[in-house]
């Protein structure tokens, strides 16, 4: 069985970007994470111990977004995906999207987004 736990639109203020100004002023970042797992035992037992604790996943994302400055949102998404696959052995596949608002590109856009999809056997 395959089930999905989703964290949608987790918002963080962080200091990433290729430009020096972005790393000093900071900006709004959003994350969506999809955790592909089998939570049938957790559903049957109604036990948090038999599933992936999304509160802990949120804390992990927050830690990774804020522990270091990155130039690329692609890197942030990859670091988070790799770490989740390492830390959660029941995780079969993960999708991590990182969005950045107020991107200095000289035009009007809502955001830029990078997505990483990784499976355990990759």
PDB file of N, CA and C in Angstrom:
ATOM      1  N   UNK A   1       0.839  -1.183   0.000  1.00  0.00           N
ATOM      2  CA  UNK A   1       0.000   0.000   0.000  1.00  0.00           C
ATOM      3  C   UNK A   1       0.879   1.240   0.000  1.00  0.00           C
ATOM      4  N   UNK A   2       0.432   2.254  -0.677  1.00  0.00           N
ATOM      5  CA  UNK A   2       1.136   3.534  -0.674  1.00  0.00           C
ATOM      6  C   UNK A   2       0.189   4.623  -0.221  1.00  0.00           C
ATOM      7  N   UNK A   3       0.618   5.381   0.760  1.00  0.00           N
ATOM      8  CA  UNK A   3      -0.143   6.509   1.272  1.00  0.00           C
ATOM      9  C   UNK A   3       0.740   7.749   1.182  1.00  0.00           C
ATOM     10  N   UNK A   4       0.109   8.905   1.253  1.00  0.00           N
ATOM     11  CA  UNK A   4       0.858  10.162   1.170  1.00  0.00           C
ATOM     12  C   UNK A   4       0.467  11.058   2.339  1.00  0.00           C
ATOM     13  N   UNK A   5       1.475  11.584   3.001  1.00  0.00           N
ATOM     14  CA  UNK A   5       1.295  12.628   4.013  1.00  0.00           C
ATOM     15  C   UNK A   5       1.819  13.911   3.371  1.00  0.00           C
ATOM     16  N   UNK A   6       1.002  14.958   3.370  1.00  0.00           N
ATOM     17  CA  UNK A   6       1.404  16.217   2.737  1.00  0.00           C
ATOM     18  C   UNK A   6       1.504  17.345   3.758  1.00  0.00           C
ATOM     19  N   UNK A   7       2.561  18.101   3.630  1.00  0.00           N
ATOM     20  CA  UNK A   7       2.696  19.375   4.342  1.00  0.00           C
ATOM     21  C   UNK A   7       2.626  20.435   3.254  1.00  0.00           C
ATOM     22  N   UNK A   8       1.635  21.311   3.339  1.00  0.00           N
ATOM     23  CA  UNK A   8       1.415  22.293   2.291  1.00  0.00           C
ATOM     24  C   UNK A   8       1.657  23.709   2.800  1.00  0.00           C
ATOM     25  N   UNK A   9       2.419  24.438   2.016  1.00  0.00           N
ATOM     26  CA  UNK A   9       2.620  25.865   2.231  1.00  0.00           C
ATOM     27  C   UNK A   9       3.173  26.219   3.606  1.00  0.00           C
ATOM     28  N   UNK A  10       4.180  25.465   4.046  1.00  0.00           N
ATOM     29  CA  UNK A  10       4.908  25.841   5.263  1.00  0.00           C
ATOM     30  C   UNK A  10       5.721  27.092   4.923  1.00  0.00           C
ATOM     31  N   UNK A  11       5.612  28.119   5.734  1.00  0.00           N
ATOM     32  CA  UNK A  11       6.223  29.416   5.416  1.00  0.00           C
ATOM     33  C   UNK A  11       7.386  29.705   6.365  1.00  0.00           C
ATOM     34  N   UNK A  12       8.479  30.199   5.777  1.00  0.00           N
ATOM     35  CA  UNK A  12       9.684  30.520   6.535  1.00  0.00           C
ATOM     36  C   UNK A  12      10.241  31.847   6.031  1.00  0.00           C
ATOM     37  N   UNK A  13      10.902  32.566   6.908  1.00  0.00           N
ATOM     38  CA  UNK A  13      11.651  33.749   6.500  1.00  0.00           C
ATOM     39  C   UNK A  13      13.114  33.363   6.599  1.00  0.00           C
ATOM     40  N   UNK A  14      13.829  33.480   5.483  1.00  0.00           N
ATOM     41  CA  UNK A  14      15.218  33.022   5.465  1.00  0.00           C
ATOM     42  C   UNK A  14      16.062  33.925   4.567  1.00  0.00           C
ATOM     43  N   UNK A  15      17.350  33.637   4.503  1.00  0.00           N
ATOM     44  CA  UNK A  15      18.320  34.514   3.859  1.00  0.00           C
ATOM     45  C   UNK A  15      19.085  33.774   2.760  1.00  0.00           C
ATOM     46  N   UNK A  16      18.398  33.419   1.692  1.00  0.00           N
ATOM     47  CA  UNK A  16      18.992  32.683   0.584  1.00  0.00           C
ATOM     48  C   UNK A  16      18.952  33.528  -0.673  1.00  0.00           C
ATOM     49  N   UNK A  17      19.807  33.182  -1.625  1.00  0.00           N
ATOM     50  CA  UNK A  17      19.771  33.853  -2.917  1.00  0.00           C
ATOM     51  C   UNK A  17      21.158  34.015  -3.502  1.00  0.00           C
ATOM     52  N   UNK A  18      21.187  34.193  -4.800  1.00  0.00           N
ATOM     53  CA  UNK A  18      22.453  34.362  -5.505  1.00  0.00           C
ATOM     54  C   UNK A  18      23.020  35.770  -5.325  1.00  0.00           C
ATOM     55  N   UNK A  19      22.147  36.721  -5.009  1.00  0.00           N
ATOM     56  CA  UNK A  19      22.603  38.103  -4.818  1.00  0.00           C
ATOM     57  C   UNK A  19      22.897  38.382  -3.348  1.00  0.00           C
ATOM     58  N   UNK A  20      23.902  39.184  -3.119  1.00  0.00           N
ATOM     59  CA  UNK A  20      24.306  39.535  -1.754  1.00  0.00           C
ATOM     60  C   UNK A  20      23.153  40.180  -0.984  1.00  0.00           C
ATOM     61  N   UNK A  21      22.369  41.014  -1.670  1.00  0.00           N
ATOM     62  CA  UNK A  21      21.241  41.693  -1.034  1.00  0.00           C
ATOM     63  C   UNK A  21      20.192  40.698  -0.527  1.00  0.00           C
ATOM     64  N   UNK A  22      19.952  39.652  -1.298  1.00  0.00           N
ATOM     65  CA  UNK A  22      18.979  38.639  -0.888  1.00  0.00           C
ATOM     66  C   UNK A  22      19.430  37.952   0.398  1.00  0.00           C
ATOM     67  N   UNK A  23      20.728  37.726   0.514  1.00  0.00           N
ATOM     68  CA  UNK A  23      21.247  37.032   1.693  1.00  0.00           C
ATOM     69  C   UNK A  23      21.340  37.942   2.914  1.00  0.00           C
ATOM     70  N   UNK A  24      21.275  39.241   2.720  1.00  0.00           N
ATOM     71  CA  UNK A  24      21.298  40.131   3.885  1.00  0.00           C
ATOM     72  C   UNK A  24      19.899  40.616   4.281  1.00  0.00           C
ATOM     73  N   UNK A  25      19.019  40.842   3.307  1.00  0.00           N
ATOM     74  CA  UNK A  25      17.660  41.310   3.597  1.00  0.00           C
ATOM     75  C   UNK A  25      16.730  40.137   3.929  1.00  0.00           C
ATOM     76  N   UNK A  26      16.903  39.035   3.228  1.00  0.00           N
ATOM     77  CA  UNK A  26      16.051  37.868   3.459  1.00  0.00           C
ATOM     78  C   UNK A  26      14.752  37.956   2.687  1.00  0.00           C
ATOM     79  N   UNK A  27      13.961  36.910   2.807  1.00  0.00           N
ATOM     80  CA  UNK A  27      12.689  36.883   2.115  1.00  0.00           C
ATOM     81  C   UNK A  27      11.831  35.709   2.554  1.00  0.00           C
ATOM     82  N   UNK A  28      10.659  35.654   1.984  1.00  0.00           N
ATOM     83  CA  UNK A  28       9.674  34.623   2.304  1.00  0.00           C
ATOM     84  C   UNK A  28       9.913  33.393   1.426  1.00  0.00           C
ATOM     85  N   UNK A  29       9.940  32.244   2.073  1.00  0.00           N
ATOM     86  CA  UNK A  29      10.072  30.960   1.390  1.00  0.00           C
ATOM     87  C   UNK A  29       8.931  30.063   1.837  1.00  0.00           C
ATOM     88  N   UNK A  30       8.433  29.282   0.908  1.00  0.00           N
ATOM     89  CA  UNK A  30       7.356  28.349   1.211  1.00  0.00           C
ATOM     90  C   UNK A  30       7.795  26.957   0.792  1.00  0.00           C
ATOM     91  N   UNK A  31       7.307  25.955   1.524  1.00  0.00           N
ATOM     92  CA  UNK A  31       7.658  24.574   1.211  1.00  0.00           C
ATOM     93  C   UNK A  31       6.407  23.702   1.174  1.00  0.00           C
ATOM     94  N   UNK A  32       6.370  22.805   0.202  1.00  0.00           N
ATOM     95  CA  UNK A  32       5.387  21.730   0.137  1.00  0.00           C
ATOM     96  C   UNK A  32       6.187  20.431   0.145  1.00  0.00           C
ATOM     97  N   UNK A  33       5.771  19.495   0.983  1.00  0.00           N
ATOM     98  CA  UNK A  33       6.460  18.211   1.064  1.00  0.00           C
ATOM     99  C   UNK A  33       5.422  17.105   0.987  1.00  0.00           C
ATOM    100  N   UNK A  34       5.692  16.120   0.143  1.00  0.00           N
ATOM    101  CA  UNK A  34       4.851  14.935   0.054  1.00  0.00           C
ATOM    102  C   UNK A  34       5.690  13.738   0.488  1.00  0.00           C
ATOM    103  N   UNK A  35       5.179  13.010   1.477  1.00  0.00           N
ATOM    104  CA  UNK A  35       5.868  11.854   2.039  1.00  0.00           C
ATOM    105  C   UNK A  35       5.111  10.596   1.622  1.00  0.00           C
ATOM    106  N   UNK A  36       5.699   9.797   0.766  1.00  0.00           N
ATOM    107  CA  UNK A  36       5.078   8.565   0.275  1.00  0.00           C
ATOM    108  C   UNK A  36       5.504   7.422   1.191  1.00  0.00           C
ATOM    109  N   UNK A  37       4.548   6.837   1.859  1.00  0.00           N
ATOM    110  CA  UNK A  37       4.827   5.813   2.856  1.00  0.00           C
ATOM    111  C   UNK A  37       3.636   4.867   2.938  1.00  0.00           C
ATOM    112  N   UNK A  38       3.678   3.953   3.871  1.00  0.00           N
ATOM    113  CA  UNK A  38       2.534   3.087   4.156  1.00  0.00           C
ATOM    114  C   UNK A  38       2.136   3.344   5.602  1.00  0.00           C
ATOM    115  N   UNK A  39       1.031   4.053   5.796  1.00  0.00           N
ATOM    116  CA  UNK A  39       0.587   4.326   7.167  1.00  0.00           C
ATOM    117  C   UNK A  39      -0.628   3.489   7.556  1.00  0.00           C
ATOM    118  N   UNK A  40      -0.811   2.355   6.898  1.00  0.00           N
ATOM    119  CA  UNK A  40      -1.972   1.505   7.196  1.00  0.00           C
ATOM    120  C   UNK A  40      -1.941   0.980   8.636  1.00  0.00           C
ATOM    121  N   UNK A  41      -0.758   0.628   9.147  1.00  0.00           N
ATOM    122  CA  UNK A  41      -0.672   0.168  10.532  1.00  0.00           C
ATOM    123  C   UNK A  41      -1.024   1.291  11.507  1.00  0.00           C
ATOM    124  N   UNK A  42      -0.562   2.500  11.219  1.00  0.00           N
ATOM    125  CA  UNK A  42      -0.883   3.647  12.071  1.00  0.00           C
ATOM    126  C   UNK A  42      -2.386   3.916  12.056  1.00  0.00           C
ATOM    127  N   UNK A  43      -3.003   3.799  10.894  1.00  0.00           N
ATOM    128  CA  UNK A  43      -4.444   4.019  10.797  1.00  0.00           C
ATOM    129  C   UNK A  43      -5.215   2.951  11.572  1.00  0.00           C
ATOM    130  N   UNK A  44      -4.731   1.720  11.503  1.00  0.00           N
ATOM    131  CA  UNK A  44      -5.409   0.625  12.202  1.00  0.00           C
ATOM    132  C   UNK A  44      -5.252   0.725  13.720  1.00  0.00           C
ATOM    133  N   UNK A  45      -4.078   1.186  14.168  1.00  0.00           N
ATOM    134  CA  UNK A  45      -3.804   1.253  15.613  1.00  0.00           C
ATOM    135  C   UNK A  45      -4.053   2.642  16.186  1.00  0.00           C
ATOM    136  N   UNK A  46      -4.250   3.628  15.311  1.00  0.00           N
ATOM    137  CA  UNK A  46      -4.406   5.029  15.724  1.00  0.00           C
ATOM    138  C   UNK A  46      -3.225   5.475  16.578  1.00  0.00           C
ATOM    139  N   UNK A  47      -2.026   5.067  16.148  1.00  0.00           N
ATOM    140  CA  UNK A  47      -0.812   5.343  16.919  1.00  0.00           C
ATOM    141  C   UNK A  47       0.177   6.172  16.107  1.00  0.00           C
ATOM    142  N   UNK A  48       0.612   7.261  16.677  1.00  0.00           N
ATOM    143  CA  UNK A  48       1.610   8.118  16.051  1.00  0.00           C
ATOM    144  C   UNK A  48       2.941   7.394  15.877  1.00  0.00           C
ATOM    145  N   UNK A  49       3.200   6.417  16.703  1.00  0.00           N
ATOM    146  CA  UNK A  49       4.465   5.678  16.633  1.00  0.00           C
ATOM    147  C   UNK A  49       4.569   4.807  15.386  1.00  0.00           C
ATOM    148  N   UNK A  50       3.467   4.594  14.689  1.00  0.00           N
ATOM    149  CA  UNK A  50       3.473   3.746  13.502  1.00  0.00           C
ATOM    150  C   UNK A  50       3.387   4.538  12.198  1.00  0.00           C
ATOM    151  N   UNK A  51       3.707   5.818  12.274  1.00  0.00           N
ATOM    152  CA  UNK A  51       3.666   6.653  11.073  1.00  0.00           C
ATOM    153  C   UNK A  51       4.794   7.675  11.128  1.00  0.00           C
ATOM    154  N   UNK A  52       4.882   8.499  10.123  1.00  0.00           N
ATOM    155  CA  UNK A  52       5.857   9.590  10.095  1.00  0.00           C
ATOM    156  C   UNK A  52       5.222  10.796  10.769  1.00  0.00           C
ATOM    157  N   UNK A  53       5.866  11.290  11.791  1.00  0.00           N
ATOM    158  CA  UNK A  53       5.355  12.413  12.571  1.00  0.00           C
ATOM    159  C   UNK A  53       5.583  13.708  11.792  1.00  0.00           C
ATOM    160  N   UNK A  54       4.517  14.281  11.252  1.00  0.00           N
ATOM    161  CA  UNK A  54       4.681  15.478  10.413  1.00  0.00           C
ATOM    162  C   UNK A  54       5.117  16.700  11.212  1.00  0.00           C
ATOM    163  N   UNK A  55       4.885  16.700  12.512  1.00  0.00           N
ATOM    164  CA  UNK A  55       5.414  17.780  13.354  1.00  0.00           C
ATOM    165  C   UNK A  55       6.945  17.749  13.346  1.00  0.00           C
ATOM    166  N   UNK A  56       7.515  16.554  13.462  1.00  0.00           N
ATOM    167  CA  UNK A  56       8.971  16.412  13.413  1.00  0.00           C
ATOM    168  C   UNK A  56       9.514  16.766  12.024  1.00  0.00           C
ATOM    169  N   UNK A  57       8.777  16.417  10.985  1.00  0.00           N
ATOM    170  CA  UNK A  57       9.193  16.757   9.624  1.00  0.00           C
ATOM    171  C   UNK A  57       9.203  18.275   9.445  1.00  0.00           C
ATOM    172  N   UNK A  58       8.174  18.943   9.946  1.00  0.00           N
ATOM    173  CA  UNK A  58       8.138  20.411   9.856  1.00  0.00           C
ATOM    174  C   UNK A  58       9.348  21.028  10.559  1.00  0.00           C
ATOM    175  N   UNK A  59       9.660  20.545  11.752  1.00  0.00           N
ATOM    176  CA  UNK A  59      10.820  21.065  12.489  1.00  0.00           C
ATOM    177  C   UNK A  59      12.110  20.832  11.705  1.00  0.00           C
ATOM    178  N   UNK A  60      12.214  19.683  11.056  1.00  0.00           N
ATOM    179  CA  UNK A  60      13.395  19.378  10.248  1.00  0.00           C
ATOM    180  C   UNK A  60      13.510  20.364   9.078  1.00  0.00           C
ATOM    181  N   UNK A  61      12.397  20.621   8.385  1.00  0.00           N
ATOM    182  CA  UNK A  61      12.410  21.567   7.265  1.00  0.00           C
ATOM    183  C   UNK A  61      12.830  22.952   7.758  1.00  0.00           C
ATOM    184  N   UNK A  62      12.245  23.390   8.856  1.00  0.00           N
ATOM    185  CA  UNK A  62      12.585  24.696   9.437  1.00  0.00           C
ATOM    186  C   UNK A  62      14.078  24.777   9.752  1.00  0.00           C
ATOM    187  N   UNK A  63      14.612  23.727  10.324  1.00  0.00           N
ATOM    188  CA  UNK A  63      16.041  23.689  10.664  1.00  0.00           C
ATOM    189  C   UNK A  63      16.889  23.824   9.403  1.00  0.00           C
ATOM    190  N   UNK A  64      16.575  23.060   8.376  1.00  0.00           N
ATOM    191  CA  UNK A  64      17.370  23.087   7.144  1.00  0.00           C
ATOM    192  C   UNK A  64      17.252  24.421   6.414  1.00  0.00           C
ATOM    193  N   UNK A  65      16.078  25.017   6.416  1.00  0.00           N
ATOM    194  CA  UNK A  65      15.888  26.296   5.740  1.00  0.00           C
ATOM    195  C   UNK A  65      16.664  27.408   6.447  1.00  0.00           C
ATOM    196  N   UNK A  66      16.838  27.284   7.753  1.00  0.00           N
ATOM    197  CA  UNK A  66      17.442  28.380   8.525  1.00  0.00           C
ATOM    198  C   UNK A  66      18.855  28.142   9.030  1.00  0.00           C
ATOM    199  N   UNK A  67      19.404  26.942   8.888  1.00  0.00           N
ATOM    200  CA  UNK A  67      20.719  26.687   9.469  1.00  0.00           C
ATOM    201  C   UNK A  67      21.873  27.230   8.638  1.00  0.00           C
ATOM    202  N   UNK A  68      21.634  27.503   7.364  1.00  0.00           N
ATOM    203  CA  UNK A  68      22.705  27.889   6.465  1.00  0.00           C
ATOM    204  C   UNK A  68      22.111  28.721   5.331  1.00  0.00           C
ATOM    205  N   UNK A  69      22.912  29.619   4.757  1.00  0.00           N
ATOM    206  CA  UNK A  69      22.481  30.385   3.591  1.00  0.00           C
ATOM    207  C   UNK A  69      22.863  29.623   2.327  1.00  0.00           C
ATOM    208  N   UNK A  70      21.899  29.493   1.425  1.00  0.00           N
ATOM    209  CA  UNK A  70      22.128  28.832   0.141  1.00  0.00           C
ATOM    210  C   UNK A  70      21.935  29.833  -0.981  1.00  0.00           C
ATOM    211  N   UNK A  71      22.615  29.609  -2.079  1.00  0.00           N
ATOM    212  CA  UNK A  71      22.422  30.433  -3.260  1.00  0.00           C
ATOM    213  C   UNK A  71      21.158  30.020  -4.017  1.00  0.00           C
ATOM    214  N   UNK A  72      20.843  28.719  -4.011  1.00  0.00           N
ATOM    215  CA  UNK A  72      19.780  28.192  -4.860  1.00  0.00           C
ATOM    216  C   UNK A  72      18.683  27.495  -4.075  1.00  0.00           C
ATOM    217  N   UNK A  73      17.436  27.722  -4.486  1.00  0.00           N
ATOM    218  CA  UNK A  73      16.330  26.980  -3.877  1.00  0.00           C
ATOM    219  C   UNK A  73      16.396  25.509  -4.304  1.00  0.00           C
ATOM    220  N   UNK A  74      17.025  25.235  -5.430  1.00  0.00           N
ATOM    221  CA  UNK A  74      17.224  23.855  -5.868  1.00  0.00           C
ATOM    222  C   UNK A  74      18.038  23.075  -4.830  1.00  0.00           C
ATOM    223  N   UNK A  75      19.048  23.725  -4.278  1.00  0.00           N
ATOM    224  CA  UNK A  75      19.883  23.094  -3.258  1.00  0.00           C
ATOM    225  C   UNK A  75      19.089  22.836  -1.985  1.00  0.00           C
ATOM    226  N   UNK A  76      18.291  23.805  -1.569  1.00  0.00           N
ATOM    227  CA  UNK A  76      17.484  23.641  -0.352  1.00  0.00           C
ATOM    228  C   UNK A  76      16.544  22.444  -0.504  1.00  0.00           C
ATOM    229  N   UNK A  77      15.858  22.357  -1.638  1.00  0.00           N
ATOM    230  CA  UNK A  77      14.933  21.247  -1.876  1.00  0.00           C
ATOM    231  C   UNK A  77      15.660  19.906  -1.843  1.00  0.00           C
ATOM    232  N   UNK A  78      16.839  19.843  -2.436  1.00  0.00           N
ATOM    233  CA  UNK A  78      17.615  18.599  -2.472  1.00  0.00           C
ATOM    234  C   UNK A  78      18.105  18.201  -1.090  1.00  0.00           C
ATOM    235  N   UNK A  79      18.599  19.162  -0.325  1.00  0.00           N
ATOM    236  CA  UNK A  79      19.076  18.881   1.035  1.00  0.00           C
ATOM    237  C   UNK A  79      17.944  18.331   1.897  1.00  0.00           C
ATOM    238  N   UNK A  80      16.778  18.928   1.791  1.00  0.00           N
ATOM    239  CA  UNK A  80      15.624  18.463   2.574  1.00  0.00           C
ATOM    240  C   UNK A  80      15.207  17.059   2.142  1.00  0.00           C
ATOM    241  N   UNK A  81      15.101  16.819   0.833  1.00  0.00           N
ATOM    242  CA  UNK A  81      14.692  15.499   0.336  1.00  0.00           C
ATOM    243  C   UNK A  81      15.680  14.416   0.764  1.00  0.00           C
ATOM    244  N   UNK A  82      16.966  14.677   0.606  1.00  0.00           N
ATOM    245  CA  UNK A  82      17.987  13.697   0.999  1.00  0.00           C
ATOM    246  C   UNK A  82      17.932  13.394   2.486  1.00  0.00           C
ATOM    247  N   UNK A  83      17.783  14.430   3.291  1.00  0.00           N
ATOM    248  CA  UNK A  83      17.737  14.247   4.739  1.00  0.00           C
ATOM    249  C   UNK A  83      16.524  13.456   5.190  1.00  0.00           C
ATOM    250  N   UNK A  84      15.376  13.728   4.600  1.00  0.00           N
ATOM    251  CA  UNK A  84      14.161  12.998   4.975  1.00  0.00           C
ATOM    252  C   UNK A  84      14.276  11.520   4.607  1.00  0.00           C
ATOM    253  N   UNK A  85      14.826  11.211   3.441  1.00  0.00           N
ATOM    254  CA  UNK A  85      15.014   9.814   3.049  1.00  0.00           C
ATOM    255  C   UNK A  85      15.998   9.102   3.976  1.00  0.00           C
ATOM    256  N   UNK A  86      16.983   9.821   4.462  1.00  0.00           N
ATOM    257  CA  UNK A  86      17.954   9.243   5.399  1.00  0.00           C
ATOM    258  C   UNK A  86      17.334   9.017   6.768  1.00  0.00           C
ATOM    259  N   UNK A  87      16.567   9.978   7.247  1.00  0.00           N
ATOM    260  CA  UNK A  87      16.034   9.923   8.616  1.00  0.00           C
ATOM    261  C   UNK A  87      14.810   9.033   8.782  1.00  0.00           C
ATOM    262  N   UNK A  88      14.038   8.825   7.725  1.00  0.00           N
ATOM    263  CA  UNK A  88      12.793   8.069   7.827  1.00  0.00           C
ATOM    264  C   UNK A  88      12.857   6.843   6.914  1.00  0.00           C
ATOM    265  N   UNK A  89      13.179   5.713   7.505  1.00  0.00           N
ATOM    266  CA  UNK A  89      13.374   4.484   6.738  1.00  0.00           C
ATOM    267  C   UNK A  89      12.090   3.972   6.098  1.00  0.00           C
ATOM    268  N   UNK A  90      10.927   4.338   6.629  1.00  0.00           N
ATOM    269  CA  UNK A  90       9.656   3.891   6.047  1.00  0.00           C
ATOM    270  C   UNK A  90       9.232   4.760   4.860  1.00  0.00           C
ATOM    271  N   UNK A  91       9.970   5.812   4.623  1.00  0.00           N
ATOM    272  CA  UNK A  91       9.674   6.709   3.503  1.00  0.00           C
ATOM    273  C   UNK A  91      10.140   6.061   2.209  1.00  0.00           C
ATOM    274  N   UNK A  92       9.211   5.892   1.262  1.00  0.00           N
ATOM    275  CA  UNK A  92       9.539   5.246  -0.011  1.00  0.00           C
ATOM    276  C   UNK A  92       9.916   6.266  -1.086  1.00  0.00           C
ATOM    277  N   UNK A  93       9.306   7.433  -0.993  1.00  0.00           N
ATOM    278  CA  UNK A  93       9.508   8.478  -1.990  1.00  0.00           C
ATOM    279  C   UNK A  93       9.175   9.808  -1.331  1.00  0.00           C
ATOM    280  N   UNK A  94       9.826  10.859  -1.785  1.00  0.00           N
ATOM    281  CA  UNK A  94       9.555  12.187  -1.242  1.00  0.00           C
ATOM    282  C   UNK A  94       9.561  13.205  -2.378  1.00  0.00           C
ATOM    283  N   UNK A  95       8.672  14.185  -2.259  1.00  0.00           N
ATOM    284  CA  UNK A  95       8.647  15.323  -3.171  1.00  0.00           C
ATOM    285  C   UNK A  95       8.772  16.576  -2.314  1.00  0.00           C
ATOM    286  N   UNK A  96       9.720  17.431  -2.668  1.00  0.00           N
ATOM    287  CA  UNK A  96       9.931  18.680  -1.931  1.00  0.00           C
ATOM    288  C   UNK A  96       9.886  19.832  -2.927  1.00  0.00           C
ATOM    289  N   UNK A  97       8.982  20.783  -2.682  1.00  0.00           N
ATOM    290  CA  UNK A  97       8.906  22.004  -3.481  1.00  0.00           C
ATOM    291  C   UNK A  97       9.286  23.175  -2.577  1.00  0.00           C
ATOM    292  N   UNK A  98      10.165  24.024  -3.075  1.00  0.00           N
ATOM    293  CA  UNK A  98      10.523  25.251  -2.377  1.00  0.00           C
ATOM    294  C   UNK A  98      10.163  26.413  -3.279  1.00  0.00           C
ATOM    295  N   UNK A  99       9.387  27.353  -2.732  1.00  0.00           N
ATOM    296  CA  UNK A  99       8.981  28.552  -3.463  1.00  0.00           C
ATOM    297  C   UNK A  99       9.633  29.783  -2.839  1.00  0.00           C
ATOM    298  N   UNK A 100       9.993  30.694  -3.712  1.00  0.00           N
ATOM    299  CA  UNK A 100      10.593  31.952  -3.286  1.00  0.00           C
ATOM    300  C   UNK A 100       9.780  33.092  -3.880  1.00  0.00           C
ATOM    301  N   UNK A 101       9.293  33.967  -3.011  1.00  0.00           N
ATOM    302  CA  UNK A 101       8.540  35.143  -3.452  1.00  0.00           C
ATOM    303  C   UNK A 101       9.480  36.328  -3.624  1.00  0.00           C
ATOM    304  N   UNK A 102       9.007  37.363  -4.254  1.00  0.00           N
ATOM    305  CA  UNK A 102       9.771  38.612  -4.423  1.00  0.00           C
ATOM    306  C   UNK A 102      11.141  38.368  -5.048  1.00  0.00           C
ATOM    307  N   UNK A 103      11.148  37.656  -6.137  1.00  0.00           N
ATOM    308  CA  UNK A 103      12.398  37.334  -6.816  1.00  0.00           C
ATOM    309  C   UNK A 103      12.842  38.529  -7.656  1.00  0.00           C
ATOM    310  N   UNK A 104      14.097  38.978  -7.497  1.00  0.00           N
ATOM    311  CA  UNK A 104      14.580  40.145  -8.241  1.00  0.00           C
ATOM    312  C   UNK A 104      14.975  39.780  -9.672  1.00  0.00           C
ATOM    313  N   UNK A 105      13.972  39.686 -10.560  1.00  0.00           N
ATOM    314  CA  UNK A 105      14.277  39.322 -11.941  1.00  0.00           C
ATOM    315  C   UNK A 105      13.944  40.433 -12.935  1.00  0.00           C
ATOM    316  N   UNK A 106      13.491  41.554 -12.434  1.00  0.00           N
ATOM    317  CA  UNK A 106      13.170  42.660 -13.332  1.00  0.00           C
ATOM    318  C   UNK A 106      11.824  42.533 -14.011  1.00  0.00           C
ATOM    319  N   UNK A 107      10.953  41.711 -13.438  1.00  0.00           N
ATOM    320  CA  UNK A 107       9.620  41.528 -13.981  1.00  0.00           C
ATOM    321  C   UNK A 107       8.664  41.147 -12.862  1.00  0.00           C
ATOM    322  N   UNK A 108       7.408  40.963 -13.203  1.00  0.00           N
ATOM    323  CA  UNK A 108       6.395  40.651 -12.199  1.00  0.00           C
ATOM    324  C   UNK A 108       6.035  39.171 -12.288  1.00  0.00           C
ATOM    325  N   UNK A 109       6.254  38.456 -11.191  1.00  0.00           N
ATOM    326  CA  UNK A 109       5.865  37.048 -11.076  1.00  0.00           C
ATOM    327  C   UNK A 109       5.395  36.798  -9.650  1.00  0.00           C
ATOM    328  N   UNK A 110       4.625  35.754  -9.460  1.00  0.00           N
ATOM    329  CA  UNK A 110       4.194  35.403  -8.105  1.00  0.00           C
ATOM    330  C   UNK A 110       5.341  34.799  -7.299  1.00  0.00           C
ATOM    331  N   UNK A 111       6.032  33.837  -7.900  1.00  0.00           N
ATOM    332  CA  UNK A 111       7.127  33.158  -7.215  1.00  0.00           C
ATOM    333  C   UNK A 111       7.906  32.304  -8.201  1.00  0.00           C
ATOM    334  N   UNK A 112       9.052  31.833  -7.741  1.00  0.00           N
ATOM    335  CA  UNK A 112       9.831  30.827  -8.459  1.00  0.00           C
ATOM    336  C   UNK A 112       9.828  29.588  -7.573  1.00  0.00           C
ATOM    337  N   UNK A 113       9.723  28.408  -8.211  1.00  0.00           N
ATOM    338  CA  UNK A 113       9.617  27.168  -7.449  1.00  0.00           C
ATOM    339  C   UNK A 113      10.567  26.124  -8.023  1.00  0.00           C
ATOM    340  N   UNK A 114      11.212  25.378  -7.126  1.00  0.00           N
ATOM    341  CA  UNK A 114      12.035  24.233  -7.525  1.00  0.00           C
ATOM    342  C   UNK A 114      11.476  23.003  -6.824  1.00  0.00           C
ATOM    343  N   UNK A 115      11.383  21.903  -7.567  1.00  0.00           N
ATOM    344  CA  UNK A 115      10.860  20.661  -6.994  1.00  0.00           C
ATOM    345  C   UNK A 115      11.868  19.537  -7.178  1.00  0.00           C
ATOM    346  N   UNK A 116      12.036  18.754  -6.123  1.00  0.00           N
ATOM    347  CA  UNK A 116      12.876  17.558  -6.160  1.00  0.00           C
ATOM    348  C   UNK A 116      11.983  16.379  -5.805  1.00  0.00           C
ATOM    349  N   UNK A 117      12.035  15.337  -6.634  1.00  0.00           N
ATOM    350  CA  UNK A 117      11.312  14.093  -6.351  1.00  0.00           C
ATOM    351  C   UNK A 117      12.356  12.987  -6.316  1.00  0.00           C
ATOM    352  N   UNK A 118      12.428  12.300  -5.171  1.00  0.00           N
ATOM    353  CA  UNK A 118      13.426  11.230  -5.025  1.00  0.00           C
ATOM    354  C   UNK A 118      12.753   9.990  -4.452  1.00  0.00           C
ATOM    355  N   UNK A 119      13.229   8.848  -4.913  1.00  0.00           N
ATOM    356  CA  UNK A 119      12.775   7.577  -4.365  1.00  0.00           C
ATOM    357  C   UNK A 119      13.930   6.956  -3.577  1.00  0.00           C
ATOM    358  N   UNK A 120      13.566   6.098  -2.659  1.00  0.00           N
ATOM    359  CA  UNK A 120      14.579   5.495  -1.782  1.00  0.00           C
ATOM    360  C   UNK A 120      15.662   4.783  -2.570  1.00  0.00           C
ATOM    361  N   UNK A 121      15.321   4.093  -3.640  1.00  0.00           N
ATOM    362  CA  UNK A 121      16.319   3.295  -4.363  1.00  0.00           C
ATOM    363  C   UNK A 121      17.176   4.098  -5.326  1.00  0.00           C
ATOM    364  N   UNK A 122      17.041   5.407  -5.353  1.00  0.00           N
ATOM    365  CA  UNK A 122      17.857   6.241  -6.255  1.00  0.00           C
ATOM    366  C   UNK A 122      19.213   6.523  -5.629  1.00  0.00           C
TER     367      UNK A 122
END
